[in-house]
Amino acid sequence: MTAEELRALCLSFRGSEETFPFGFETSVFKVVGKMFALSRLSGEPLSVSLKCEPQLAQELRAMHPAITGGYHLNKRHWNTVALDGSLPDQMIRELVEDSYDLVVSSLSRARRRGLGWSG
């Protein structure tokens, strides 16, 4: 997955936006002001930090060397995924979608309904 594909994926979710609170080199993808993905899209290797349920986060790290605790984030709730070709693109898409869903699920019912999210 390329940086352009990652950006397009993150922005494909309803209500998502790209912001730059840490400078223009770091893209922060949010939904209703809450972060679900963070990436330095020009980084080598490309990586993305994603929100994850704590138990699943640990399991993914144990199974995949490309998945580590969230870099400069709460490692209980965030994983950093190296997009080095060792993980299939479909898995990366699912991890990004899971992160988005996890954030949206914590929003109020009215906000979830406004996004057309059914869970």
PDB file of N, CA and C in Angstrom:
ATOM      1  N   MET A   1       0.848  -1.177   0.000  1.00  0.00           N
ATOM      2  CA  MET A   1       0.000   0.000   0.000  1.00  0.00           C
ATOM      3  C   MET A   1       0.891   1.237   0.000  1.00  0.00           C
ATOM      4  N   THR A   2       0.584   2.157  -0.870  1.00  0.00           N
ATOM      5  CA  THR A   2       1.351   3.396  -0.973  1.00  0.00           C
ATOM      6  C   THR A   2       0.766   4.463  -0.049  1.00  0.00           C
ATOM      7  N   ALA A   3       1.500   5.548   0.119  1.00  0.00           N
ATOM      8  CA  ALA A   3       1.024   6.659   0.935  1.00  0.00           C
ATOM      9  C   ALA A   3      -0.268   7.240   0.362  1.00  0.00           C
ATOM     10  N   GLU A   4      -0.343   7.353  -0.951  1.00  0.00           N
ATOM     11  CA  GLU A   4      -1.542   7.901  -1.589  1.00  0.00           C
ATOM     12  C   GLU A   4      -2.745   6.980  -1.362  1.00  0.00           C
ATOM     13  N   GLU A   5      -2.514   5.671  -1.436  1.00  0.00           N
ATOM     14  CA  GLU A   5      -3.595   4.709  -1.187  1.00  0.00           C
ATOM     15  C   GLU A   5      -4.045   4.754   0.272  1.00  0.00           C
ATOM     16  N   LEU A   6      -3.096   4.905   1.186  1.00  0.00           N
ATOM     17  CA  LEU A   6      -3.438   4.999   2.605  1.00  0.00           C
ATOM     18  C   LEU A   6      -4.263   6.257   2.862  1.00  0.00           C
ATOM     19  N   ARG A   7      -3.837   7.386   2.318  1.00  0.00           N
ATOM     20  CA  ARG A   7      -4.589   8.633   2.480  1.00  0.00           C
ATOM     21  C   ARG A   7      -6.009   8.470   1.928  1.00  0.00           C
ATOM     22  N   ALA A   8      -6.128   7.928   0.719  1.00  0.00           N
ATOM     23  CA  ALA A   8      -7.448   7.740   0.100  1.00  0.00           C
ATOM     24  C   ALA A   8      -8.320   6.821   0.947  1.00  0.00           C
ATOM     25  N   LEU A   9      -7.733   5.768   1.496  1.00  0.00           N
ATOM     26  CA  LEU A   9      -8.487   4.848   2.350  1.00  0.00           C
ATOM     27  C   LEU A   9      -9.013   5.577   3.585  1.00  0.00           C
ATOM     28  N   CYS A  10      -8.155   6.296   4.265  1.00  0.00           N
ATOM     29  CA  CYS A  10      -8.567   6.999   5.486  1.00  0.00           C
ATOM     30  C   CYS A  10      -9.654   8.033   5.205  1.00  0.00           C
ATOM     31  N   LEU A  11      -9.568   8.683   4.062  1.00  0.00           N
ATOM     32  CA  LEU A  11     -10.556   9.706   3.716  1.00  0.00           C
ATOM     33  C   LEU A  11     -11.826   9.126   3.105  1.00  0.00           C
ATOM     34  N   SER A  12     -11.849   7.817   2.855  1.00  0.00           N
ATOM     35  CA  SER A  12     -13.029   7.196   2.248  1.00  0.00           C
ATOM     36  C   SER A  12     -14.162   6.975   3.244  1.00  0.00           C
ATOM     37  N   PHE A  13     -13.874   7.090   4.522  1.00  0.00           N
ATOM     38  CA  PHE A  13     -14.889   6.865   5.550  1.00  0.00           C
ATOM     39  C   PHE A  13     -15.708   8.126   5.764  1.00  0.00           C
ATOM     40  N   ARG A  14     -16.984   7.924   5.938  1.00  0.00           N
ATOM     41  CA  ARG A  14     -17.907   9.045   6.073  1.00  0.00           C
ATOM     42  C   ARG A  14     -17.516   9.933   7.252  1.00  0.00           C
ATOM     43  N   GLY A  15     -17.405  11.228   6.989  1.00  0.00           N
ATOM     44  CA  GLY A  15     -17.097  12.197   8.031  1.00  0.00           C
ATOM     45  C   GLY A  15     -15.621  12.319   8.352  1.00  0.00           C
ATOM     46  N   SER A  16     -14.760  11.587   7.643  1.00  0.00           N
ATOM     47  CA  SER A  16     -13.331  11.648   7.961  1.00  0.00           C
ATOM     48  C   SER A  16     -12.706  12.902   7.362  1.00  0.00           C
ATOM     49  N   GLU A  17     -11.653  13.354   8.012  1.00  0.00           N
ATOM     50  CA  GLU A  17     -10.909  14.524   7.541  1.00  0.00           C
ATOM     51  C   GLU A  17      -9.437  14.346   7.873  1.00  0.00           C
ATOM     52  N   GLU A  18      -8.600  15.000   7.082  1.00  0.00           N
ATOM     53  CA  GLU A  18      -7.155  14.978   7.310  1.00  0.00           C
ATOM     54  C   GLU A  18      -6.766  16.306   7.941  1.00  0.00           C
ATOM     55  N   THR A  19      -6.074  16.238   9.065  1.00  0.00           N
ATOM     56  CA  THR A  19      -5.623  17.444   9.752  1.00  0.00           C
ATOM     57  C   THR A  19      -4.115  17.342   9.988  1.00  0.00           C
ATOM     58  N   PHE A  20      -3.511  18.460  10.381  1.00  0.00           N
ATOM     59  CA  PHE A  20      -2.062  18.510  10.572  1.00  0.00           C
ATOM     60  C   PHE A  20      -1.703  19.213  11.885  1.00  0.00           C
ATOM     61  N   PRO A  21      -2.181  18.713  13.032  1.00  0.00           N
ATOM     62  CA  PRO A  21      -1.902  19.391  14.301  1.00  0.00           C
ATOM     63  C   PRO A  21      -0.438  19.308  14.737  1.00  0.00           C
ATOM     64  N   PHE A  22       0.329  18.382  14.180  1.00  0.00           N
ATOM     65  CA  PHE A  22       1.736  18.208  14.572  1.00  0.00           C
ATOM     66  C   PHE A  22       2.694  18.694  13.491  1.00  0.00           C
ATOM     67  N   GLY A  23       2.203  19.454  12.516  1.00  0.00           N
ATOM     68  CA  GLY A  23       3.020  19.921  11.400  1.00  0.00           C
ATOM     69  C   GLY A  23       2.617  19.206  10.125  1.00  0.00           C
ATOM     70  N   PHE A  24       3.004  19.782   9.005  1.00  0.00           N
ATOM     71  CA  PHE A  24       2.550  19.273   7.709  1.00  0.00           C
ATOM     72  C   PHE A  24       3.145  17.929   7.317  1.00  0.00           C
ATOM     73  N   GLU A  25       4.123  17.433   8.055  1.00  0.00           N
ATOM     74  CA  GLU A  25       4.691  16.127   7.722  1.00  0.00           C
ATOM     75  C   GLU A  25       3.898  14.968   8.317  1.00  0.00           C
ATOM     76  N   THR A  26       2.985  15.259   9.246  1.00  0.00           N
ATOM     77  CA  THR A  26       2.223  14.197   9.903  1.00  0.00           C
ATOM     78  C   THR A  26       0.729  14.389   9.661  1.00  0.00           C
ATOM     79  N   SER A  27       0.122  13.438   8.960  1.00  0.00           N
ATOM     80  CA  SER A  27      -1.316  13.467   8.692  1.00  0.00           C
ATOM     81  C   SER A  27      -2.049  12.790   9.838  1.00  0.00           C
ATOM     82  N   VAL A  28      -3.040  13.475  10.370  1.00  0.00           N
ATOM     83  CA  VAL A  28      -3.892  12.924  11.417  1.00  0.00           C
ATOM     84  C   VAL A  28      -5.302  12.849  10.837  1.00  0.00           C
ATOM     85  N   PHE A  29      -5.834  11.641  10.780  1.00  0.00           N
ATOM     86  CA  PHE A  29      -7.164  11.420  10.225  1.00  0.00           C
ATOM     87  C   PHE A  29      -8.147  11.315  11.382  1.00  0.00           C
ATOM     88  N   LYS A  30      -9.198  12.140  11.289  1.00  0.00           N
ATOM     89  CA  LYS A  30     -10.173  12.229  12.374  1.00  0.00           C
ATOM     90  C   LYS A  30     -11.578  12.042  11.839  1.00  0.00           C
ATOM     91  N   VAL A  31     -12.460  11.660  12.750  1.00  0.00           N
ATOM     92  CA  VAL A  31     -13.895  11.648  12.491  1.00  0.00           C
ATOM     93  C   VAL A  31     -14.532  12.369  13.678  1.00  0.00           C
ATOM     94  N   VAL A  32     -15.319  13.386  13.400  1.00  0.00           N
ATOM     95  CA  VAL A  32     -15.947  14.221  14.420  1.00  0.00           C
ATOM     96  C   VAL A  32     -14.905  14.675  15.451  1.00  0.00           C
ATOM     97  N   GLY A  33     -13.742  15.084  14.979  1.00  0.00           N
ATOM     98  CA  GLY A  33     -12.702  15.613  15.845  1.00  0.00           C
ATOM     99  C   GLY A  33     -11.908  14.589  16.619  1.00  0.00           C
ATOM    100  N   LYS A  34     -12.173  13.300  16.423  1.00  0.00           N
ATOM    101  CA  LYS A  34     -11.453  12.249  17.155  1.00  0.00           C
ATOM    102  C   LYS A  34     -10.553  11.469  16.197  1.00  0.00           C
ATOM    103  N   MET A  35      -9.316  11.300  16.609  1.00  0.00           N
ATOM    104  CA  MET A  35      -8.308  10.654  15.769  1.00  0.00           C
ATOM    105  C   MET A  35      -8.552   9.152  15.651  1.00  0.00           C
ATOM    106  N   PHE A  36      -8.450   8.643  14.408  1.00  0.00           N
ATOM    107  CA  PHE A  36      -8.505   7.192  14.206  1.00  0.00           C
ATOM    108  C   PHE A  36      -7.273   6.677  13.468  1.00  0.00           C
ATOM    109  N   ALA A  37      -6.483   7.572  12.856  1.00  0.00           N
ATOM    110  CA  ALA A  37      -5.252   7.155  12.176  1.00  0.00           C
ATOM    111  C   ALA A  37      -4.261   8.311  12.167  1.00  0.00           C
ATOM    112  N   LEU A  38      -2.990   7.961  12.216  1.00  0.00           N
ATOM    113  CA  LEU A  38      -1.908   8.938  12.245  1.00  0.00           C
ATOM    114  C   LEU A  38      -0.770   8.376  11.417  1.00  0.00           C
ATOM    115  N   SER A  39      -0.261   9.180  10.470  1.00  0.00           N
ATOM    116  CA  SER A  39       0.818   8.681   9.624  1.00  0.00           C
ATOM    117  C   SER A  39       1.694   9.816   9.117  1.00  0.00           C
ATOM    118  N   ARG A  40       2.972   9.558   9.078  1.00  0.00           N
ATOM    119  CA  ARG A  40       3.907  10.429   8.369  1.00  0.00           C
ATOM    120  C   ARG A  40       3.994   9.837   6.969  1.00  0.00           C
ATOM    121  N   LEU A  41       3.167  10.339   6.071  1.00  0.00           N
ATOM    122  CA  LEU A  41       2.988   9.715   4.766  1.00  0.00           C
ATOM    123  C   LEU A  41       4.257   9.723   3.913  1.00  0.00           C
ATOM    124  N   SER A  42       5.216  10.571   4.253  1.00  0.00           N
ATOM    125  CA  SER A  42       6.470  10.575   3.506  1.00  0.00           C
ATOM    126  C   SER A  42       7.536   9.723   4.188  1.00  0.00           C
ATOM    127  N   GLY A  43       7.165   9.043   5.262  1.00  0.00           N
ATOM    128  CA  GLY A  43       8.121   8.242   6.029  1.00  0.00           C
ATOM    129  C   GLY A  43       8.591   7.005   5.286  1.00  0.00           C
ATOM    130  N   GLU A  44       9.805   6.588   5.600  1.00  0.00           N
ATOM    131  CA  GLU A  44      10.384   5.362   5.050  1.00  0.00           C
ATOM    132  C   GLU A  44      10.851   4.505   6.218  1.00  0.00           C
ATOM    133  N   PRO A  45      10.293   3.337   6.435  1.00  0.00           N
ATOM    134  CA  PRO A  45       9.158   2.808   5.688  1.00  0.00           C
ATOM    135  C   PRO A  45       7.876   3.507   6.119  1.00  0.00           C
ATOM    136  N   LEU A  46       6.885   3.437   5.268  1.00  0.00           N
ATOM    137  CA  LEU A  46       5.577   4.007   5.565  1.00  0.00           C
ATOM    138  C   LEU A  46       4.965   3.237   6.730  1.00  0.00           C
ATOM    139  N   SER A  47       4.340   3.951   7.652  1.00  0.00           N
ATOM    140  CA  SER A  47       3.647   3.303   8.763  1.00  0.00           C
ATOM    141  C   SER A  47       2.414   4.114   9.107  1.00  0.00           C
ATOM    142  N   VAL A  48       1.508   3.484   9.828  1.00  0.00           N
ATOM    143  CA  VAL A  48       0.290   4.158  10.276  1.00  0.00           C
ATOM    144  C   VAL A  48      -0.018   3.672  11.685  1.00  0.00           C
ATOM    145  N   SER A  49      -0.412   4.596  12.536  1.00  0.00           N
ATOM    146  CA  SER A  49      -0.838   4.244  13.887  1.00  0.00           C
ATOM    147  C   SER A  49      -2.354   4.216  13.904  1.00  0.00           C
ATOM    148  N   LEU A  50      -2.895   3.149  14.503  1.00  0.00           N
ATOM    149  CA  LEU A  50      -4.333   2.906  14.480  1.00  0.00           C
ATOM    150  C   LEU A  50      -4.844   2.513  15.860  1.00  0.00           C
ATOM    151  N   LYS A  51      -6.034   2.970  16.182  1.00  0.00           N
ATOM    152  CA  LYS A  51      -6.670   2.593  17.436  1.00  0.00           C
ATOM    153  C   LYS A  51      -7.093   1.128  17.352  1.00  0.00           C
ATOM    154  N   CYS A  52      -7.033   0.432  18.484  1.00  0.00           N
ATOM    155  CA  CYS A  52      -7.346  -0.993  18.494  1.00  0.00           C
ATOM    156  C   CYS A  52      -7.812  -1.386  19.890  1.00  0.00           C
ATOM    157  N   GLU A  53      -8.710  -2.361  19.967  1.00  0.00           N
ATOM    158  CA  GLU A  53      -9.121  -2.869  21.266  1.00  0.00           C
ATOM    159  C   GLU A  53      -7.901  -3.493  21.957  1.00  0.00           C
ATOM    160  N   PRO A  54      -7.714  -3.252  23.246  1.00  0.00           N
ATOM    161  CA  PRO A  54      -6.481  -3.679  23.925  1.00  0.00           C
ATOM    162  C   PRO A  54      -6.102  -5.145  23.744  1.00  0.00           C
ATOM    163  N   GLN A  55      -7.023  -6.062  23.916  1.00  0.00           N
ATOM    164  CA  GLN A  55      -6.693  -7.487  23.796  1.00  0.00           C
ATOM    165  C   GLN A  55      -6.247  -7.821  22.365  1.00  0.00           C
ATOM    166  N   LEU A  56      -6.981  -7.320  21.395  1.00  0.00           N
ATOM    167  CA  LEU A  56      -6.635  -7.559  19.998  1.00  0.00           C
ATOM    168  C   LEU A  56      -5.296  -6.922  19.650  1.00  0.00           C
ATOM    169  N   ALA A  57      -5.028  -5.742  20.199  1.00  0.00           N
ATOM    170  CA  ALA A  57      -3.758  -5.062  19.944  1.00  0.00           C
ATOM    171  C   ALA A  57      -2.585  -5.954  20.349  1.00  0.00           C
ATOM    172  N   GLN A  58      -2.670  -6.563  21.522  1.00  0.00           N
ATOM    173  CA  GLN A  58      -1.608  -7.450  21.995  1.00  0.00           C
ATOM    174  C   GLN A  58      -1.475  -8.684  21.103  1.00  0.00           C
ATOM    175  N   GLU A  59      -2.608  -9.261  20.712  1.00  0.00           N
ATOM    176  CA  GLU A  59      -2.575 -10.448  19.862  1.00  0.00           C
ATOM    177  C   GLU A  59      -1.938 -10.147  18.509  1.00  0.00           C
ATOM    178  N   LEU A  60      -2.295  -9.011  17.924  1.00  0.00           N
ATOM    179  CA  LEU A  60      -1.728  -8.634  16.624  1.00  0.00           C
ATOM    180  C   LEU A  60      -0.220  -8.430  16.719  1.00  0.00           C
ATOM    181  N   ARG A  61       0.224  -7.800  17.790  1.00  0.00           N
ATOM    182  CA  ARG A  61       1.671  -7.573  17.978  1.00  0.00           C
ATOM    183  C   ARG A  61       2.419  -8.896  18.113  1.00  0.00           C
ATOM    184  N   ALA A  62       1.805  -9.865  18.796  1.00  0.00           N
ATOM    185  CA  ALA A  62       2.451 -11.169  18.999  1.00  0.00           C
ATOM    186  C   ALA A  62       2.539 -11.954  17.696  1.00  0.00           C
ATOM    187  N   MET A  63       1.581 -11.756  16.800  1.00  0.00           N
ATOM    188  CA  MET A  63       1.527 -12.533  15.556  1.00  0.00           C
ATOM    189  C   MET A  63       2.278 -11.897  14.391  1.00  0.00           C
ATOM    190  N   HIS A  64       2.456 -10.560  14.422  1.00  0.00           N
ATOM    191  CA  HIS A  64       3.005  -9.863  13.254  1.00  0.00           C
ATOM    192  C   HIS A  64       4.125  -8.906  13.671  1.00  0.00           C
ATOM    193  N   PRO A  65       5.356  -9.176  13.263  1.00  0.00           N
ATOM    194  CA  PRO A  65       6.459  -8.277  13.608  1.00  0.00           C
ATOM    195  C   PRO A  65       6.268  -6.850  13.086  1.00  0.00           C
ATOM    196  N   ALA A  66       5.462  -6.668  12.042  1.00  0.00           N
ATOM    197  CA  ALA A  66       5.235  -5.333  11.477  1.00  0.00           C
ATOM    198  C   ALA A  66       4.276  -4.504  12.327  1.00  0.00           C
ATOM    199  N   ILE A  67       3.677  -5.111  13.337  1.00  0.00           N
ATOM    200  CA  ILE A  67       2.744  -4.397  14.210  1.00  0.00           C
ATOM    201  C   ILE A  67       3.367  -4.278  15.590  1.00  0.00           C
ATOM    202  N   THR A  68       3.518  -3.033  16.039  1.00  0.00           N
ATOM    203  CA  THR A  68       4.139  -2.745  17.337  1.00  0.00           C
ATOM    204  C   THR A  68       3.230  -1.808  18.127  1.00  0.00           C
ATOM    205  N   GLY A  69       3.580  -1.589  19.380  1.00  0.00           N
ATOM    206  CA  GLY A  69       2.833  -0.648  20.203  1.00  0.00           C
ATOM    207  C   GLY A  69       2.870   0.736  19.588  1.00  0.00           C
ATOM    208  N   GLY A  70       1.796   1.486  19.739  1.00  0.00           N
ATOM    209  CA  GLY A  70       1.673   2.813  19.125  1.00  0.00           C
ATOM    210  C   GLY A  70       2.836   3.721  19.466  1.00  0.00           C
ATOM    211  N   TYR A  71       3.481   4.229  18.435  1.00  0.00           N
ATOM    212  CA  TYR A  71       4.632   5.121  18.599  1.00  0.00           C
ATOM    213  C   TYR A  71       4.162   6.458  19.170  1.00  0.00           C
ATOM    214  N   HIS A  72       4.646   6.817  20.352  1.00  0.00           N
ATOM    215  CA  HIS A  72       4.275   8.053  21.053  1.00  0.00           C
ATOM    216  C   HIS A  72       2.784   8.127  21.362  1.00  0.00           C
ATOM    217  N   LEU A  73       2.139   6.973  21.488  1.00  0.00           N
ATOM    218  CA  LEU A  73       0.712   6.903  21.798  1.00  0.00           C
ATOM    219  C   LEU A  73       0.508   5.902  22.926  1.00  0.00           C
ATOM    220  N   ASN A  74      -0.676   5.864  23.483  1.00  0.00           N
ATOM    221  CA  ASN A  74      -1.002   4.906  24.534  1.00  0.00           C
ATOM    222  C   ASN A  74      -0.952   3.500  23.927  1.00  0.00           C
ATOM    223  N   LYS A  75       0.060   2.746  24.287  1.00  0.00           N
ATOM    224  CA  LYS A  75       0.292   1.434  23.680  1.00  0.00           C
ATOM    225  C   LYS A  75      -0.800   0.422  24.031  1.00  0.00           C
ATOM    226  N   ARG A  76      -1.598   0.698  25.009  1.00  0.00           N
ATOM    227  CA  ARG A  76      -2.721  -0.187  25.332  1.00  0.00           C
ATOM    228  C   ARG A  76      -3.807  -0.102  24.258  1.00  0.00           C
ATOM    229  N   HIS A  77      -3.978   1.081  23.674  1.00  0.00           N
ATOM    230  CA  HIS A  77      -5.074   1.316  22.740  1.00  0.00           C
ATOM    231  C   HIS A  77      -4.636   1.584  21.295  1.00  0.00           C
ATOM    232  N   TRP A  78      -3.336   1.683  21.046  1.00  0.00           N
ATOM    233  CA  TRP A  78      -2.860   2.042  19.711  1.00  0.00           C
ATOM    234  C   TRP A  78      -1.748   1.099  19.249  1.00  0.00           C
ATOM    235  N   ASN A  79      -1.797   0.742  17.984  1.00  0.00           N
ATOM    236  CA  ASN A  79      -0.739  -0.016  17.322  1.00  0.00           C
ATOM    237  C   ASN A  79      -0.156   0.823  16.198  1.00  0.00           C
ATOM    238  N   THR A  80       1.123   0.654  15.947  1.00  0.00           N
ATOM    239  CA  THR A  80       1.746   1.226  14.760  1.00  0.00           C
ATOM    240  C   THR A  80       2.034   0.071  13.819  1.00  0.00           C
ATOM    241  N   VAL A  81       1.561   0.222  12.590  1.00  0.00           N
ATOM    242  CA  VAL A  81       1.663  -0.822  11.578  1.00  0.00           C
ATOM    243  C   VAL A  81       2.638  -0.365  10.503  1.00  0.00           C
ATOM    244  N   ALA A  82       3.740  -1.096  10.338  1.00  0.00           N
ATOM    245  CA  ALA A  82       4.700  -0.800   9.269  1.00  0.00           C
ATOM    246  C   ALA A  82       4.147  -1.358   7.960  1.00  0.00           C
ATOM    247  N   LEU A  83       4.024  -0.504   6.962  1.00  0.00           N
ATOM    248  CA  LEU A  83       3.511  -0.932   5.658  1.00  0.00           C
ATOM    249  C   LEU A  83       4.713  -1.298   4.789  1.00  0.00           C
ATOM    250  N   ASP A  84       5.368  -2.374   5.191  1.00  0.00           N
ATOM    251  CA  ASP A  84       6.617  -2.807   4.561  1.00  0.00           C
ATOM    252  C   ASP A  84       6.418  -3.959   3.574  1.00  0.00           C
ATOM    253  N   GLY A  85       5.153  -4.298   3.291  1.00  0.00           N
ATOM    254  CA  GLY A  85       4.862  -5.377   2.361  1.00  0.00           C
ATOM    255  C   GLY A  85       4.671  -6.728   3.028  1.00  0.00           C
ATOM    256  N   SER A  86       4.914  -6.812   4.337  1.00  0.00           N
ATOM    257  CA  SER A  86       4.788  -8.101   5.012  1.00  0.00           C
ATOM    258  C   SER A  86       3.335  -8.439   5.360  1.00  0.00           C
ATOM    259  N   LEU A  87       2.468  -7.440   5.373  1.00  0.00           N
ATOM    260  CA  LEU A  87       1.046  -7.665   5.656  1.00  0.00           C
ATOM    261  C   LEU A  87       0.245  -7.436   4.374  1.00  0.00           C
ATOM    262  N   PRO A  88      -0.770  -8.242   4.128  1.00  0.00           N
ATOM    263  CA  PRO A  88      -1.586  -8.033   2.930  1.00  0.00           C
ATOM    264  C   PRO A  88      -2.358  -6.710   3.017  1.00  0.00           C
ATOM    265  N   ASP A  89      -2.544  -6.069   1.865  1.00  0.00           N
ATOM    266  CA  ASP A  89      -3.282  -4.809   1.831  1.00  0.00           C
ATOM    267  C   ASP A  89      -4.672  -4.956   2.424  1.00  0.00           C
ATOM    268  N   GLN A  90      -5.318  -6.097   2.202  1.00  0.00           N
ATOM    269  CA  GLN A  90      -6.663  -6.301   2.742  1.00  0.00           C
ATOM    270  C   GLN A  90      -6.647  -6.245   4.262  1.00  0.00           C
ATOM    271  N   MET A  91      -5.622  -6.791   4.884  1.00  0.00           N
ATOM    272  CA  MET A  91      -5.522  -6.739   6.341  1.00  0.00           C
ATOM    273  C   MET A  91      -5.354  -5.304   6.810  1.00  0.00           C
ATOM    274  N   ILE A  92      -4.533  -4.539   6.111  1.00  0.00           N
ATOM    275  CA  ILE A  92      -4.325  -3.137   6.466  1.00  0.00           C
ATOM    276  C   ILE A  92      -5.642  -2.367   6.341  1.00  0.00           C
ATOM    277  N   ARG A  93      -6.377  -2.611   5.252  1.00  0.00           N
ATOM    278  CA  ARG A  93      -7.682  -1.955   5.085  1.00  0.00           C
ATOM    279  C   ARG A  93      -8.608  -2.292   6.253  1.00  0.00           C
ATOM    280  N   GLU A  94      -8.613  -3.544   6.670  1.00  0.00           N
ATOM    281  CA  GLU A  94      -9.467  -3.961   7.782  1.00  0.00           C
ATOM    282  C   GLU A  94      -9.035  -3.313   9.095  1.00  0.00           C
ATOM    283  N   LEU A  95      -7.739  -3.191   9.321  1.00  0.00           N
ATOM    284  CA  LEU A  95      -7.254  -2.550  10.547  1.00  0.00           C
ATOM    285  C   LEU A  95      -7.641  -1.070  10.581  1.00  0.00           C
ATOM    286  N   VAL A  96      -7.545  -0.395   9.439  1.00  0.00           N
ATOM    287  CA  VAL A  96      -7.940   1.018   9.369  1.00  0.00           C
ATOM    288  C   VAL A  96      -9.440   1.140   9.618  1.00  0.00           C
ATOM    289  N   GLU A  97     -10.228   0.296   8.977  1.00  0.00           N
ATOM    290  CA  GLU A  97     -11.675   0.335   9.161  1.00  0.00           C
ATOM    291  C   GLU A  97     -12.047   0.028  10.609  1.00  0.00           C
ATOM    292  N   ASP A  98     -11.381  -0.938  11.223  1.00  0.00           N
ATOM    293  CA  ASP A  98     -11.651  -1.266  12.628  1.00  0.00           C
ATOM    294  C   ASP A  98     -11.351  -0.068  13.528  1.00  0.00           C
ATOM    295  N   SER A  99     -10.268   0.658  13.239  1.00  0.00           N
ATOM    296  CA  SER A  99      -9.919   1.833  14.022  1.00  0.00           C
ATOM    297  C   SER A  99     -11.014   2.896  13.896  1.00  0.00           C
ATOM    298  N   TYR A 100     -11.443   3.151  12.676  1.00  0.00           N
ATOM    299  CA  TYR A 100     -12.527   4.111  12.433  1.00  0.00           C
ATOM    300  C   TYR A 100     -13.783   3.679  13.198  1.00  0.00           C
ATOM    301  N   ASP A 101     -14.161   2.410  13.070  1.00  0.00           N
ATOM    302  CA  ASP A 101     -15.365   1.900  13.731  1.00  0.00           C
ATOM    303  C   ASP A 101     -15.265   2.012  15.252  1.00  0.00           C
ATOM    304  N   LEU A 102     -14.086   1.755  15.788  1.00  0.00           N
ATOM    305  CA  LEU A 102     -13.895   1.843  17.229  1.00  0.00           C
ATOM    306  C   LEU A 102     -14.120   3.279  17.718  1.00  0.00           C
ATOM    307  N   VAL A 103     -13.611   4.238  16.975  1.00  0.00           N
ATOM    308  CA  VAL A 103     -13.790   5.642  17.347  1.00  0.00           C
ATOM    309  C   VAL A 103     -15.257   6.047  17.183  1.00  0.00           C
ATOM    310  N   VAL A 104     -15.866   5.692  16.068  1.00  0.00           N
ATOM    311  CA  VAL A 104     -17.264   6.070  15.831  1.00  0.00           C
ATOM    312  C   VAL A 104     -18.194   5.419  16.866  1.00  0.00           C
ATOM    313  N   SER A 105     -17.889   4.196  17.265  1.00  0.00           N
ATOM    314  CA  SER A 105     -18.743   3.509  18.237  1.00  0.00           C
ATOM    315  C   SER A 105     -18.784   4.228  19.580  1.00  0.00           C
ATOM    316  N   SER A 106     -17.786   5.049  19.866  1.00  0.00           N
ATOM    317  CA  SER A 106     -17.750   5.780  21.135  1.00  0.00           C
ATOM    318  C   SER A 106     -18.483   7.120  21.054  1.00  0.00           C
ATOM    319  N   LEU A 107     -18.943   7.497  19.871  1.00  0.00           N
ATOM    320  CA  LEU A 107     -19.663   8.760  19.701  1.00  0.00           C
ATOM    321  C   LEU A 107     -21.104   8.616  20.196  1.00  0.00           C
ATOM    322  N   SER A 108     -21.756   9.742  20.373  1.00  0.00           N
ATOM    323  CA  SER A 108     -23.161   9.717  20.784  1.00  0.00           C
ATOM    324  C   SER A 108     -24.011   9.075  19.689  1.00  0.00           C
ATOM    325  N   ARG A 109     -25.153   8.591  20.073  1.00  0.00           N
ATOM    326  CA  ARG A 109     -26.063   7.957  19.120  1.00  0.00           C
ATOM    327  C   ARG A 109     -26.426   8.920  17.988  1.00  0.00           C
ATOM    328  N   ALA A 110     -26.656  10.172  18.326  1.00  0.00           N
ATOM    329  CA  ALA A 110     -27.020  11.166  17.312  1.00  0.00           C
ATOM    330  C   ALA A 110     -25.885  11.364  16.310  1.00  0.00           C
ATOM    331  N   ARG A 111     -24.659  11.415  16.792  1.00  0.00           N
ATOM    332  CA  ARG A 111     -23.514  11.576  15.878  1.00  0.00           C
ATOM    333  C   ARG A 111     -23.313  10.341  15.014  1.00  0.00           C
ATOM    334  N   ARG A 112     -23.469   9.157  15.619  1.00  0.00           N
ATOM    335  CA  ARG A 112     -23.363   7.914  14.826  1.00  0.00           C
ATOM    336  C   ARG A 112     -24.435   7.885  13.737  1.00  0.00           C
ATOM    337  N   ARG A 113     -25.645   8.252  14.106  1.00  0.00           N
ATOM    338  CA  ARG A 113     -26.748   8.290  13.139  1.00  0.00           C
ATOM    339  C   ARG A 113     -26.453   9.313  12.042  1.00  0.00           C
ATOM    340  N   GLY A 114     -25.906  10.459  12.417  1.00  0.00           N
ATOM    341  CA  GLY A 114     -25.549  11.492  11.449  1.00  0.00           C
ATOM    342  C   GLY A 114     -24.516  11.029  10.439  1.00  0.00           C
ATOM    343  N   LEU A 115     -23.657  10.106  10.858  1.00  0.00           N
ATOM    344  CA  LEU A 115     -22.654   9.546   9.953  1.00  0.00           C
ATOM    345  C   LEU A 115     -23.204   8.367   9.134  1.00  0.00           C
ATOM    346  N   GLY A 116     -24.426   7.948   9.492  1.00  0.00           N
ATOM    347  CA  GLY A 116     -25.002   6.793   8.809  1.00  0.00           C
ATOM    348  C   GLY A 116     -24.314   5.502   9.190  1.00  0.00           C
ATOM    349  N   TRP A 117     -23.743   5.462  10.384  1.00  0.00           N
ATOM    350  CA  TRP A 117     -22.977   4.290  10.848  1.00  0.00           C
ATOM    351  C   TRP A 117     -23.911   3.328  11.541  1.00  0.00           C
ATOM    352  N   SER A 118     -23.843   2.074  11.154  1.00  0.00           N
ATOM    353  CA  SER A 118     -24.726   1.070  11.753  1.00  0.00           C
ATOM    354  C   SER A 118     -23.989   0.073  12.638  1.00  0.00           C
ATOM    355  N   GLY A 119     -22.681   0.185  12.677  1.00  0.00           N
ATOM    356  CA  GLY A 119     -21.917  -0.695  13.567  1.00  0.00           C
ATOM    357  C   GLY A 119     -21.512  -1.956  13.028  1.00  0.00           C
TER     358      GLY A 119
END
